[in-house]
Each structure stands twice: as C-alpha cells, then as structure tokens.
Amino acid sequence: DHNEKYTYKTNGDLNKYANYWGLRHRLHFDVTGNLN
C-alpha cells in the first residue's frame, strides 16, 4: 500500500511529510451463519 504520513508542530502547522510504499501481512478467520 501507498502511505502518506504528516507530522505537526505544537501550534498545529505542518512539520514534515513522508510518502512511501510498504508491505502488510494479514490473516483472517471467520464464521458465517445464514437463513433463507
């Protein structure tokens, strides 16, 4: 995914900005119940 991160000063003004691509790993388990 494409990430954009901002940091701010104590007065609320913009400080620094980062723009980069990074990896994430995701696992999932689910249960589904249904009625007709």
ModelCIF file with pLDDT and N, C-alpha, C, O atoms, coordinates in Angstrom:
data_MODEL
#
_entry.id   MODEL 
#
_entity.id                         1 
_entity.type                       polymer 
_entity.pdbx_number_of_molecules   1 
#
_entity_poly.entity_id                      1 
_entity_poly.type                           'polypeptide(L)' 
_entity_poly.nstd_linkage                   no 
_entity_poly.nstd_monomer                   no 
_entity_poly.pdbx_seq_one_letter_code       DHNEKYTYKTNGDLNKYANYWGLRHRLHFDVTGNLN 
_entity_poly.pdbx_seq_one_letter_code_can   DHNEKYTYKTNGDLNKYANYWGLRHRLHFDVTGNLN 
_entity_poly.pdbx_strand_id                 A 
#
loop_
_entity_poly_seq.entity_id 
_entity_poly_seq.num 
_entity_poly_seq.mon_id 
_entity_poly_seq.hetero 
1 1  ASP n 
1 2  HIS n 
1 3  ASN n 
1 4  GLU n 
1 5  LYS n 
1 6  TYR n 
1 7  THR n 
1 8  TYR n 
1 9  LYS n 
1 10 THR n 
1 11 ASN n 
1 12 GLY n 
1 13 ASP n 
1 14 LEU n 
1 15 ASN n 
1 16 LYS n 
1 17 TYR n 
1 18 ALA n 
1 19 ASN n 
1 20 TYR n 
1 21 TRP n 
1 22 GLY n 
1 23 LEU n 
1 24 ARG n 
1 25 HIS n 
1 26 ARG n 
1 27 LEU n 
1 28 HIS n 
1 29 PHE n 
1 30 ASP n 
1 31 VAL n 
1 32 THR n 
1 33 GLY n 
1 34 ASN n 
1 35 LEU n 
1 36 ASN n 
#
_struct_asym.id          A 
_struct_asym.entity_id   1 
#
loop_
_ma_qa_metric.id 
_ma_qa_metric.mode 
_ma_qa_metric.name 
_ma_qa_metric.software_group_id 
_ma_qa_metric.type 
1 global pLDDT . pLDDT 
2 local  pLDDT . pLDDT 
#
_ma_qa_metric_global.metric_id      1 
_ma_qa_metric_global.metric_value   95.33 
_ma_qa_metric_global.model_id       1 
_ma_qa_metric_global.ordinal_id     1 
#
loop_
_ma_qa_metric_local.label_asym_id 
_ma_qa_metric_local.label_comp_id 
_ma_qa_metric_local.label_seq_id 
_ma_qa_metric_local.metric_id 
_ma_qa_metric_local.metric_value 
_ma_qa_metric_local.model_id 
_ma_qa_metric_local.ordinal_id 
A ASP 1  2 97.00 1 1  
A HIS 2  2 97.00 1 2  
A ASN 3  2 95.00 1 3  
A GLU 4  2 93.00 1 4  
A LYS 5  2 91.00 1 5  
A TYR 6  2 92.00 1 6  
A THR 7  2 92.00 1 7  
A TYR 8  2 92.00 1 8  
A LYS 9  2 92.00 1 9  
A THR 10 2 92.00 1 10 
A ASN 11 2 91.00 1 11 
A GLY 12 2 88.00 1 12 
A ASP 13 2 93.00 1 13 
A LEU 14 2 94.00 1 14 
A ASN 15 2 95.00 1 15 
A LYS 16 2 95.00 1 16 
A TYR 17 2 96.00 1 17 
A ALA 18 2 96.00 1 18 
A ASN 19 2 95.00 1 19 
A TYR 20 2 96.00 1 20 
A TRP 21 2 97.00 1 21 
A GLY 22 2 96.00 1 22 
A LEU 23 2 98.00 1 23 
A ARG 24 2 98.00 1 24 
A HIS 25 2 98.00 1 25 
A ARG 26 2 98.00 1 26 
A LEU 27 2 98.00 1 27 
A HIS 28 2 98.00 1 28 
A PHE 29 2 98.00 1 29 
A ASP 30 2 98.00 1 30 
A VAL 31 2 98.00 1 31 
A THR 32 2 98.00 1 32 
A GLY 33 2 98.00 1 33 
A ASN 34 2 97.00 1 34 
A LEU 35 2 97.00 1 35 
A ASN 36 2 95.00 1 36 
#
loop_
_atom_site.group_PDB 
_atom_site.id 
_atom_site.type_symbol 
_atom_site.label_atom_id 
_atom_site.label_alt_id 
_atom_site.label_comp_id 
_atom_site.label_asym_id 
_atom_site.label_entity_id 
_atom_site.label_seq_id 
_atom_site.pdbx_PDB_ins_code 
_atom_site.Cartn_x 
_atom_site.Cartn_y 
_atom_site.Cartn_z 
_atom_site.occupancy 
_atom_site.B_iso_or_equiv 
_atom_site.pdbx_formal_charge 
_atom_site.auth_seq_id 
_atom_site.auth_comp_id 
_atom_site.auth_asym_id 
_atom_site.auth_atom_id 
_atom_site.pdbx_PDB_model_num 
ATOM 1   N N  . ASP A 1 1  ? 0.796   -1.215  0.000  1.00 97.00 ? 1  ASP A N  1 
ATOM 2   C CA . ASP A 1 1  ? 0.000   0.000   0.000  1.00 97.00 ? 1  ASP A CA 1 
ATOM 3   C C  . ASP A 1 1  ? 0.838   1.278   0.000  1.00 97.00 ? 1  ASP A C  1 
ATOM 4   O O  . ASP A 1 1  ? 2.007   1.296   0.385  1.00 97.00 ? 1  ASP A O  1 
ATOM 5   N N  . HIS A 1 2  ? 0.182   2.339   -0.449 1.00 97.00 ? 2  HIS A N  1 
ATOM 6   C CA . HIS A 1 2  ? 0.790   3.662   -0.605 1.00 97.00 ? 2  HIS A CA 1 
ATOM 7   C C  . HIS A 1 2  ? 0.473   4.491   0.637  1.00 97.00 ? 2  HIS A C  1 
ATOM 8   O O  . HIS A 1 2  ? -0.691  4.773   0.922  1.00 97.00 ? 2  HIS A O  1 
ATOM 9   N N  . ASN A 1 3  ? 1.521   4.883   1.378  1.00 95.00 ? 3  ASN A N  1 
ATOM 10  C CA . ASN A 1 3  ? 1.346   5.580   2.638  1.00 95.00 ? 3  ASN A CA 1 
ATOM 11  C C  . ASN A 1 3  ? 1.762   7.048   2.525  1.00 95.00 ? 3  ASN A C  1 
ATOM 12  O O  . ASN A 1 3  ? 2.733   7.386   1.847  1.00 95.00 ? 3  ASN A O  1 
ATOM 13  N N  . GLU A 1 4  ? 1.008   7.901   3.201  1.00 93.00 ? 4  GLU A N  1 
ATOM 14  C CA . GLU A 1 4  ? 1.353   9.311   3.337  1.00 93.00 ? 4  GLU A CA 1 
ATOM 15  C C  . GLU A 1 4  ? 1.224   9.683   4.810  1.00 93.00 ? 4  GLU A C  1 
ATOM 16  O O  . GLU A 1 4  ? 0.150   9.553   5.396  1.00 93.00 ? 4  GLU A O  1 
ATOM 17  N N  . LYS A 1 5  ? 2.310   10.141  5.401  1.00 91.00 ? 5  LYS A N  1 
ATOM 18  C CA . LYS A 1 5  ? 2.311   10.471  6.825  1.00 91.00 ? 5  LYS A CA 1 
ATOM 19  C C  . LYS A 1 5  ? 2.757   11.914  7.035  1.00 91.00 ? 5  LYS A C  1 
ATOM 20  O O  . LYS A 1 5  ? 3.750   12.360  6.462  1.00 91.00 ? 5  LYS A O  1 
ATOM 21  N N  . TYR A 1 6  ? 2.004   12.640  7.869  1.00 92.00 ? 6  TYR A N  1 
ATOM 22  C CA . TYR A 1 6  ? 2.312   14.026  8.210  1.00 92.00 ? 6  TYR A CA 1 
ATOM 23  C C  . TYR A 1 6  ? 2.648   14.132  9.696  1.00 92.00 ? 6  TYR A C  1 
ATOM 24  O O  . TYR A 1 6  ? 2.080   13.414  10.519 1.00 92.00 ? 6  TYR A O  1 
ATOM 25  N N  . THR A 1 7  ? 3.571   15.028  10.035 1.00 92.00 ? 7  THR A N  1 
ATOM 26  C CA . THR A 1 7  ? 3.799   15.401  11.429 1.00 92.00 ? 7  THR A CA 1 
ATOM 27  C C  . THR A 1 7  ? 3.510   16.891  11.563 1.00 92.00 ? 7  THR A C  1 
ATOM 28  O O  . THR A 1 7  ? 3.647   17.654  10.607 1.00 92.00 ? 7  THR A O  1 
ATOM 29  N N  . TYR A 1 8  ? 3.106   17.293  12.772 1.00 92.00 ? 8  TYR A N  1 
ATOM 30  C CA . TYR A 1 8  ? 2.681   18.665  13.002 1.00 92.00 ? 8  TYR A CA 1 
ATOM 31  C C  . TYR A 1 8  ? 3.450   19.279  14.171 1.00 92.00 ? 8  TYR A C  1 
ATOM 32  O O  . TYR A 1 8  ? 3.898   18.575  15.075 1.00 92.00 ? 8  TYR A O  1 
ATOM 33  N N  . LYS A 1 9  ? 3.589   20.582  14.134 1.00 92.00 ? 9  LYS A N  1 
ATOM 34  C CA . LYS A 1 9  ? 4.201   21.314  15.241 1.00 92.00 ? 9  LYS A CA 1 
ATOM 35  C C  . LYS A 1 9  ? 3.170   21.508  16.354 1.00 92.00 ? 9  LYS A C  1 
ATOM 36  O O  . LYS A 1 9  ? 1.986   21.222  16.175 1.00 92.00 ? 9  LYS A O  1 
ATOM 37  N N  . THR A 1 10 ? 3.636   21.998  17.505 1.00 92.00 ? 10 THR A N  1 
ATOM 38  C CA . THR A 1 10 ? 2.738   22.199  18.634 1.00 92.00 ? 10 THR A CA 1 
ATOM 39  C C  . THR A 1 10 ? 1.655   23.236  18.335 1.00 92.00 ? 10 THR A C  1 
ATOM 40  O O  . THR A 1 10 ? 0.580   23.205  18.934 1.00 92.00 ? 10 THR A O  1 
ATOM 41  N N  . ASN A 1 11 ? 1.939   24.156  17.404 1.00 91.00 ? 11 ASN A N  1 
ATOM 42  C CA . ASN A 1 11 ? 0.941   25.173  17.053 1.00 91.00 ? 11 ASN A CA 1 
ATOM 43  C C  . ASN A 1 11 ? -0.024  24.699  15.955 1.00 91.00 ? 11 ASN A C  1 
ATOM 44  O O  . ASN A 1 11 ? -0.906  25.444  15.527 1.00 91.00 ? 11 ASN A O  1 
ATOM 45  N N  . GLY A 1 12 ? 0.161   23.443  15.503 1.00 88.00 ? 12 GLY A N  1 
ATOM 46  C CA . GLY A 1 12 ? -0.726  22.885  14.502 1.00 88.00 ? 12 GLY A CA 1 
ATOM 47  C C  . GLY A 1 12 ? -0.243  23.010  13.075 1.00 88.00 ? 12 GLY A C  1 
ATOM 48  O O  . GLY A 1 12 ? -0.865  22.456  12.169 1.00 88.00 ? 12 GLY A O  1 
ATOM 49  N N  . ASP A 1 13 ? 0.870   23.736  12.844 1.00 93.00 ? 13 ASP A N  1 
ATOM 50  C CA . ASP A 1 13 ? 1.402   23.872  11.487 1.00 93.00 ? 13 ASP A CA 1 
ATOM 51  C C  . ASP A 1 13 ? 2.047   22.571  11.033 1.00 93.00 ? 13 ASP A C  1 
ATOM 52  O O  . ASP A 1 13 ? 2.514   21.774  11.847 1.00 93.00 ? 13 ASP A O  1 
ATOM 53  N N  . LEU A 1 14 ? 2.065   22.368  9.709  1.00 94.00 ? 14 LEU A N  1 
ATOM 54  C CA . LEU A 1 14 ? 2.715   21.178  9.158  1.00 94.00 ? 14 LEU A CA 1 
ATOM 55  C C  . LEU A 1 14 ? 4.212   21.209  9.414  1.00 94.00 ? 14 LEU A C  1 
ATOM 56  O O  . LEU A 1 14 ? 4.854   22.254  9.308  1.00 94.00 ? 14 LEU A O  1 
ATOM 57  N N  . ASN A 1 15 ? 4.756   20.047  9.753  1.00 95.00 ? 15 ASN A N  1 
ATOM 58  C CA . ASN A 1 15 ? 6.185   19.938  10.019 1.00 95.00 ? 15 ASN A CA 1 
ATOM 59  C C  . ASN A 1 15 ? 6.890   19.163  8.911  1.00 95.00 ? 15 ASN A C  1 
ATOM 60  O O  . ASN A 1 15 ? 7.670   19.727  8.143  1.00 95.00 ? 15 ASN A O  1 
ATOM 61  N N  . LYS A 1 16 ? 6.599   17.832  8.835  1.00 95.00 ? 16 LYS A N  1 
ATOM 62  C CA . LYS A 1 16 ? 7.244   17.004  7.823  1.00 95.00 ? 16 LYS A CA 1 
ATOM 63  C C  . LYS A 1 16 ? 6.231   16.053  7.196  1.00 95.00 ? 16 LYS A C  1 
ATOM 64  O O  . LYS A 1 16 ? 5.175   15.759  7.757  1.00 95.00 ? 16 LYS A O  1 
ATOM 65  N N  . TYR A 1 17 ? 6.608   15.576  5.984  1.00 96.00 ? 17 TYR A N  1 
ATOM 66  C CA . TYR A 1 17 ? 5.717   14.726  5.200  1.00 96.00 ? 17 TYR A CA 1 
ATOM 67  C C  . TYR A 1 17 ? 6.510   13.574  4.604  1.00 96.00 ? 17 TYR A C  1 
ATOM 68  O O  . TYR A 1 17 ? 7.585   13.772  4.037  1.00 96.00 ? 17 TYR A O  1 
ATOM 69  N N  . ALA A 1 18 ? 5.960   12.345  4.740  1.00 96.00 ? 18 ALA A N  1 
ATOM 70  C CA . ALA A 1 18 ? 6.588   11.152  4.169  1.00 96.00 ? 18 ALA A CA 1 
ATOM 71  C C  . ALA A 1 18 ? 5.641   10.490  3.184  1.00 96.00 ? 18 ALA A C  1 
ATOM 72  O O  . ALA A 1 18 ? 4.437   10.411  3.430  1.00 96.00 ? 18 ALA A O  1 
ATOM 73  N N  . ASN A 1 19 ? 6.184   10.014  2.067  1.00 95.00 ? 19 ASN A N  1 
ATOM 74  C CA . ASN A 1 19 ? 5.402   9.373   1.007  1.00 95.00 ? 19 ASN A CA 1 
ATOM 75  C C  . ASN A 1 19 ? 6.154   8.115   0.588  1.00 95.00 ? 19 ASN A C  1 
ATOM 76  O O  . ASN A 1 19 ? 7.251   8.208   0.036  1.00 95.00 ? 19 ASN A O  1 
ATOM 77  N N  . TYR A 1 20 ? 5.569   6.920   0.848  1.00 96.00 ? 20 TYR A N  1 
ATOM 78  C CA . TYR A 1 20 ? 6.290   5.684   0.548  1.00 96.00 ? 20 TYR A CA 1 
ATOM 79  C C  . TYR A 1 20 ? 5.328   4.512   0.400  1.00 96.00 ? 20 TYR A C  1 
ATOM 80  O O  . TYR A 1 20 ? 4.174   4.579   0.824  1.00 96.00 ? 20 TYR A O  1 
ATOM 81  N N  . TRP A 1 21 ? 5.828   3.426   -0.214 1.00 97.00 ? 21 TRP A N  1 
ATOM 82  C CA . TRP A 1 21 ? 5.091   2.177   -0.345 1.00 97.00 ? 21 TRP A CA 1 
ATOM 83  C C  . TRP A 1 21 ? 5.596   1.187   0.704  1.00 97.00 ? 21 TRP A C  1 
ATOM 84  O O  . TRP A 1 21 ? 6.791   1.134   0.994  1.00 97.00 ? 21 TRP A O  1 
ATOM 85  N N  . GLY A 1 22 ? 4.677   0.405   1.267  1.00 96.00 ? 22 GLY A N  1 
ATOM 86  C CA . GLY A 1 22 ? 5.059   -0.563  2.285  1.00 96.00 ? 22 GLY A CA 1 
ATOM 87  C C  . GLY A 1 22 ? 4.206   -1.819  2.222  1.00 96.00 ? 22 GLY A C  1 
ATOM 88  O O  . GLY A 1 22 ? 3.124   -1.823  1.635  1.00 96.00 ? 22 GLY A O  1 
ATOM 89  N N  . LEU A 1 23 ? 4.710   -2.890  2.837  1.00 98.00 ? 23 LEU A N  1 
ATOM 90  C CA . LEU A 1 23 ? 4.019   -4.179  2.863  1.00 98.00 ? 23 LEU A CA 1 
ATOM 91  C C  . LEU A 1 23 ? 3.233   -4.354  4.159  1.00 98.00 ? 23 LEU A C  1 
ATOM 92  O O  . LEU A 1 23 ? 3.591   -3.815  5.206  1.00 98.00 ? 23 LEU A O  1 
ATOM 93  N N  . ARG A 1 24 ? 2.154   -5.122  4.057  1.00 98.00 ? 24 ARG A N  1 
ATOM 94  C CA . ARG A 1 24 ? 1.429   -5.587  5.231  1.00 98.00 ? 24 ARG A CA 1 
ATOM 95  C C  . ARG A 1 24 ? 1.053   -7.058  5.016  1.00 98.00 ? 24 ARG A C  1 
ATOM 96  O O  . ARG A 1 24 ? 0.784   -7.486  3.893  1.00 98.00 ? 24 ARG A O  1 
ATOM 97  N N  . HIS A 1 25 ? 1.042   -7.816  6.108  1.00 98.00 ? 25 HIS A N  1 
ATOM 98  C CA . HIS A 1 25 ? 0.618   -9.214  6.073  1.00 98.00 ? 25 HIS A CA 1 
ATOM 99  C C  . HIS A 1 25 ? -0.668  -9.330  6.888  1.00 98.00 ? 25 HIS A C  1 
ATOM 100 O O  . HIS A 1 25 ? -0.760  -8.791  7.992  1.00 98.00 ? 25 HIS A O  1 
ATOM 101 N N  . ARG A 1 26 ? -1.672  -10.043 6.333  1.00 98.00 ? 26 ARG A N  1 
ATOM 102 C CA . ARG A 1 26 ? -2.962  -10.123 7.013  1.00 98.00 ? 26 ARG A CA 1 
ATOM 103 C C  . ARG A 1 26 ? -3.478  -11.555 7.033  1.00 98.00 ? 26 ARG A C  1 
ATOM 104 O O  . ARG A 1 26 ? -3.489  -12.241 6.011  1.00 98.00 ? 26 ARG A O  1 
ATOM 105 N N  . LEU A 1 27 ? -3.907  -11.994 8.216  1.00 98.00 ? 27 LEU A N  1 
ATOM 106 C CA . LEU A 1 27 ? -4.561  -13.289 8.405  1.00 98.00 ? 27 LEU A CA 1 
ATOM 107 C C  . LEU A 1 27 ? -5.995  -13.054 8.850  1.00 98.00 ? 27 LEU A C  1 
ATOM 108 O O  . LEU A 1 27 ? -6.276  -12.085 9.555  1.00 98.00 ? 27 LEU A O  1 
ATOM 109 N N  . HIS A 1 28 ? -6.907  -13.937 8.443  1.00 98.00 ? 28 HIS A N  1 
ATOM 110 C CA . HIS A 1 28 ? -8.273  -13.815 8.930  1.00 98.00 ? 28 HIS A CA 1 
ATOM 111 C C  . HIS A 1 28 ? -8.905  -15.198 9.119  1.00 98.00 ? 28 HIS A C  1 
ATOM 112 O O  . HIS A 1 28 ? -8.580  -16.163 8.428  1.00 98.00 ? 28 HIS A O  1 
ATOM 113 N N  . PHE A 1 29 ? -9.818  -15.244 10.082 1.00 98.00 ? 29 PHE A N  1 
ATOM 114 C CA . PHE A 1 29 ? -10.651 -16.420 10.337 1.00 98.00 ? 29 PHE A CA 1 
ATOM 115 C C  . PHE A 1 29 ? -12.075 -15.918 10.513 1.00 98.00 ? 29 PHE A C  1 
ATOM 116 O O  . PHE A 1 29 ? -12.298 -14.897 11.164 1.00 98.00 ? 29 PHE A O  1 
ATOM 117 N N  . ASP A 1 30 ? -13.042 -16.630 9.937  1.00 98.00 ? 30 ASP A N  1 
ATOM 118 C CA . ASP A 1 30 ? -14.417 -16.155 10.055 1.00 98.00 ? 30 ASP A CA 1 
ATOM 119 C C  . ASP A 1 30 ? -15.414 -17.302 10.148 1.00 98.00 ? 30 ASP A C  1 
ATOM 120 O O  . ASP A 1 30 ? -15.127 -18.441 9.781  1.00 98.00 ? 30 ASP A O  1 
ATOM 121 N N  . VAL A 1 31 ? -16.587 -16.961 10.647 1.00 98.00 ? 31 VAL A N  1 
ATOM 122 C CA . VAL A 1 31 ? -17.716 -17.884 10.708 1.00 98.00 ? 31 VAL A CA 1 
ATOM 123 C C  . VAL A 1 31 ? -18.933 -17.135 10.191 1.00 98.00 ? 31 VAL A C  1 
ATOM 124 O O  . VAL A 1 31 ? -19.163 -15.981 10.552 1.00 98.00 ? 31 VAL A O  1 
ATOM 125 N N  . THR A 1 32 ? -19.716 -17.805 9.337  1.00 98.00 ? 32 THR A N  1 
ATOM 126 C CA . THR A 1 32 ? -20.882 -17.182 8.714  1.00 98.00 ? 32 THR A CA 1 
ATOM 127 C C  . THR A 1 32 ? -22.108 -18.056 8.927  1.00 98.00 ? 32 THR A C  1 
ATOM 128 O O  . THR A 1 32 ? -22.100 -19.253 8.640  1.00 98.00 ? 32 THR A O  1 
ATOM 129 N N  . GLY A 1 33 ? -23.160 -17.430 9.436  1.00 98.00 ? 33 GLY A N  1 
ATOM 130 C CA . GLY A 1 33 ? -24.436 -18.101 9.575  1.00 98.00 ? 33 GLY A CA 1 
ATOM 131 C C  . GLY A 1 33 ? -25.459 -17.439 8.667  1.00 98.00 ? 33 GLY A C  1 
ATOM 132 O O  . GLY A 1 33 ? -25.439 -16.219 8.508  1.00 98.00 ? 33 GLY A O  1 
ATOM 133 N N  . ASN A 1 34 ? -26.352 -18.219 8.069  1.00 97.00 ? 34 ASN A N  1 
ATOM 134 C CA . ASN A 1 34 ? -27.327 -17.633 7.149  1.00 97.00 ? 34 ASN A CA 1 
ATOM 135 C C  . ASN A 1 34 ? -28.680 -18.326 7.263  1.00 97.00 ? 34 ASN A C  1 
ATOM 136 O O  . ASN A 1 34 ? -28.788 -19.485 7.664  1.00 97.00 ? 34 ASN A O  1 
ATOM 137 N N  . LEU A 1 35 ? -29.715 -17.556 6.887  1.00 97.00 ? 35 LEU A N  1 
ATOM 138 C CA . LEU A 1 35 ? -31.084 -18.054 6.876  1.00 97.00 ? 35 LEU A CA 1 
ATOM 139 C C  . LEU A 1 35 ? -31.724 -17.704 5.544  1.00 97.00 ? 35 LEU A C  1 
ATOM 140 O O  . LEU A 1 35 ? -31.482 -16.625 5.003  1.00 97.00 ? 35 LEU A O  1 
ATOM 141 N N  . ASN A 1 36 ? -32.535 -18.602 5.015  1.00 95.00 ? 36 ASN A N  1 
ATOM 142 C CA . ASN A 1 36 ? -33.254 -18.364 3.760  1.00 95.00 ? 36 ASN A CA 1 
ATOM 143 C C  . ASN A 1 36 ? -34.732 -18.119 4.033  1.00 95.00 ? 36 ASN A C  1 
ATOM 144 O O  . ASN A 1 36 ? -35.504 -17.899 3.100  1.00 95.00 ? 36 ASN A O  1 
#
